[in-house]
């Protein structure tokens, strides 16, 4: 199980500028899911190393 501190760290790293937010809102559901899965893969790799 992942420690609570890991979630806090992840939450702090997820911050978007206004322009980034506008661009994210333009994405399709499929594109958003791909981004989420990509980030989860990175997080998983980082926590296992």
N, C-alpha and C. Protein backbone atom coordinates (compact mmCIF):
# COMPACT_ATOMS: atom_id res chain seq x y z
N UNK A 1 0.84 -1.19 0.00
CA UNK A 1 0.00 0.00 0.00
C UNK A 1 0.88 1.25 0.00
N UNK A 2 0.45 2.28 -0.71
CA UNK A 2 1.20 3.52 -0.83
C UNK A 2 0.96 4.37 0.41
N UNK A 3 2.02 4.98 0.89
CA UNK A 3 1.90 5.83 2.07
C UNK A 3 1.13 7.10 1.75
N UNK A 4 0.50 7.67 2.75
CA UNK A 4 -0.27 8.91 2.59
C UNK A 4 0.62 10.05 2.11
N UNK A 5 1.87 10.08 2.53
CA UNK A 5 2.79 11.13 2.12
C UNK A 5 2.97 11.17 0.61
N UNK A 6 2.93 10.01 -0.01
CA UNK A 6 3.07 9.94 -1.46
C UNK A 6 1.92 10.69 -2.13
N UNK A 7 0.70 10.50 -1.63
CA UNK A 7 -0.45 11.19 -2.19
C UNK A 7 -0.33 12.70 -2.00
N UNK A 8 0.16 13.12 -0.87
CA UNK A 8 0.34 14.55 -0.61
C UNK A 8 1.34 15.14 -1.60
N UNK A 9 2.43 14.42 -1.83
CA UNK A 9 3.46 14.88 -2.77
C UNK A 9 2.88 14.99 -4.17
N UNK A 10 2.13 13.97 -4.58
CA UNK A 10 1.52 13.98 -5.92
C UNK A 10 0.57 15.17 -6.04
N UNK A 11 -0.24 15.39 -5.04
CA UNK A 11 -1.20 16.48 -5.07
C UNK A 11 -0.49 17.82 -5.21
N UNK A 12 0.64 18.00 -4.54
CA UNK A 12 1.38 19.25 -4.62
C UNK A 12 1.96 19.46 -6.01
N UNK A 13 2.29 18.38 -6.70
CA UNK A 13 2.91 18.48 -8.01
C UNK A 13 1.89 18.74 -9.11
N UNK A 14 0.61 18.51 -8.84
CA UNK A 14 -0.42 18.69 -9.86
C UNK A 14 -1.01 20.09 -9.74
N UNK A 15 -0.37 21.01 -10.43
CA UNK A 15 -0.85 22.39 -10.46
C UNK A 15 -0.77 22.86 -11.90
N UNK A 16 -1.82 23.54 -12.36
CA UNK A 16 -1.88 23.98 -13.74
C UNK A 16 -2.05 25.49 -13.82
N UNK A 17 -1.44 26.07 -14.84
CA UNK A 17 -1.67 27.49 -15.11
C UNK A 17 -3.04 27.62 -15.78
N UNK A 18 -3.50 28.84 -15.93
CA UNK A 18 -4.79 29.06 -16.58
C UNK A 18 -4.76 28.55 -18.03
N UNK A 19 -3.68 28.82 -18.73
CA UNK A 19 -3.56 28.36 -20.12
C UNK A 19 -3.57 26.84 -20.21
N UNK A 20 -2.86 26.18 -19.30
CA UNK A 20 -2.84 24.71 -19.29
C UNK A 20 -4.24 24.16 -19.01
N UNK A 21 -4.95 24.80 -18.11
CA UNK A 21 -6.31 24.36 -17.78
C UNK A 21 -7.22 24.48 -18.99
N UNK A 22 -7.12 25.59 -19.72
CA UNK A 22 -7.93 25.79 -20.92
C UNK A 22 -7.63 24.69 -21.94
N UNK A 23 -6.35 24.38 -22.12
CA UNK A 23 -5.96 23.33 -23.07
C UNK A 23 -6.48 21.96 -22.63
N UNK A 24 -6.41 21.69 -21.34
CA UNK A 24 -6.91 20.41 -20.83
C UNK A 24 -8.42 20.27 -21.05
N UNK A 25 -9.13 21.36 -20.92
CA UNK A 25 -10.58 21.32 -21.10
C UNK A 25 -10.97 21.04 -22.55
N UNK A 26 -10.07 21.26 -23.47
CA UNK A 26 -10.32 21.02 -24.89
C UNK A 26 -10.12 19.54 -25.28
N UNK A 27 -9.51 18.77 -24.40
CA UNK A 27 -9.20 17.38 -24.71
C UNK A 27 -10.45 16.50 -24.68
N UNK A 28 -10.41 15.45 -25.46
CA UNK A 28 -11.50 14.47 -25.45
C UNK A 28 -11.34 13.55 -24.23
N UNK A 29 -12.38 12.81 -23.95
CA UNK A 29 -12.33 11.87 -22.82
C UNK A 29 -11.21 10.85 -23.00
N UNK A 30 -11.05 10.35 -24.22
CA UNK A 30 -10.01 9.36 -24.50
C UNK A 30 -8.62 9.96 -24.26
N UNK A 31 -8.40 11.19 -24.70
CA UNK A 31 -7.11 11.83 -24.50
C UNK A 31 -6.82 12.04 -23.01
N UNK A 32 -7.83 12.39 -22.26
CA UNK A 32 -7.66 12.59 -20.82
C UNK A 32 -7.31 11.27 -20.14
N UNK A 33 -7.98 10.20 -20.53
CA UNK A 33 -7.68 8.89 -19.95
C UNK A 33 -6.25 8.46 -20.25
N UNK A 34 -5.78 8.72 -21.47
CA UNK A 34 -4.41 8.38 -21.82
C UNK A 34 -3.43 9.17 -20.96
N UNK A 35 -3.70 10.46 -20.74
CA UNK A 35 -2.84 11.27 -19.88
C UNK A 35 -2.81 10.73 -18.45
N UNK A 36 -3.98 10.39 -17.94
CA UNK A 36 -4.06 9.86 -16.58
C UNK A 36 -3.28 8.56 -16.45
N UNK A 37 -3.47 7.66 -17.40
CA UNK A 37 -2.76 6.38 -17.35
C UNK A 37 -1.26 6.57 -17.47
N UNK A 38 -0.85 7.50 -18.28
CA UNK A 38 0.57 7.80 -18.43
C UNK A 38 1.16 8.30 -17.12
N UNK A 39 0.45 9.21 -16.46
CA UNK A 39 0.92 9.74 -15.18
C UNK A 39 0.94 8.65 -14.11
N UNK A 40 -0.07 7.81 -14.08
CA UNK A 40 -0.10 6.72 -13.11
C UNK A 40 1.07 5.76 -13.31
N UNK A 41 1.42 5.52 -14.56
CA UNK A 41 2.55 4.65 -14.86
C UNK A 41 3.84 5.27 -14.32
N UNK A 42 4.02 6.59 -14.55
CA UNK A 42 5.22 7.28 -14.04
C UNK A 42 5.27 7.21 -12.51
N UNK A 43 4.14 7.47 -11.89
CA UNK A 43 4.08 7.45 -10.42
C UNK A 43 4.40 6.06 -9.89
N UNK A 44 3.83 5.06 -10.53
CA UNK A 44 4.08 3.68 -10.12
C UNK A 44 5.56 3.32 -10.25
N UNK A 45 6.17 3.71 -11.35
CA UNK A 45 7.59 3.44 -11.56
C UNK A 45 8.43 4.16 -10.51
N UNK A 46 8.07 5.38 -10.20
CA UNK A 46 8.84 6.16 -9.21
C UNK A 46 8.71 5.59 -7.80
N UNK A 47 7.54 5.07 -7.47
CA UNK A 47 7.36 4.53 -6.12
C UNK A 47 8.03 3.17 -5.95
N UNK A 48 8.24 2.45 -7.05
CA UNK A 48 8.88 1.14 -6.99
C UNK A 48 10.41 1.24 -7.03
N UNK A 49 10.91 2.39 -7.41
CA UNK A 49 12.39 2.57 -7.49
C UNK A 49 12.97 3.05 -6.20
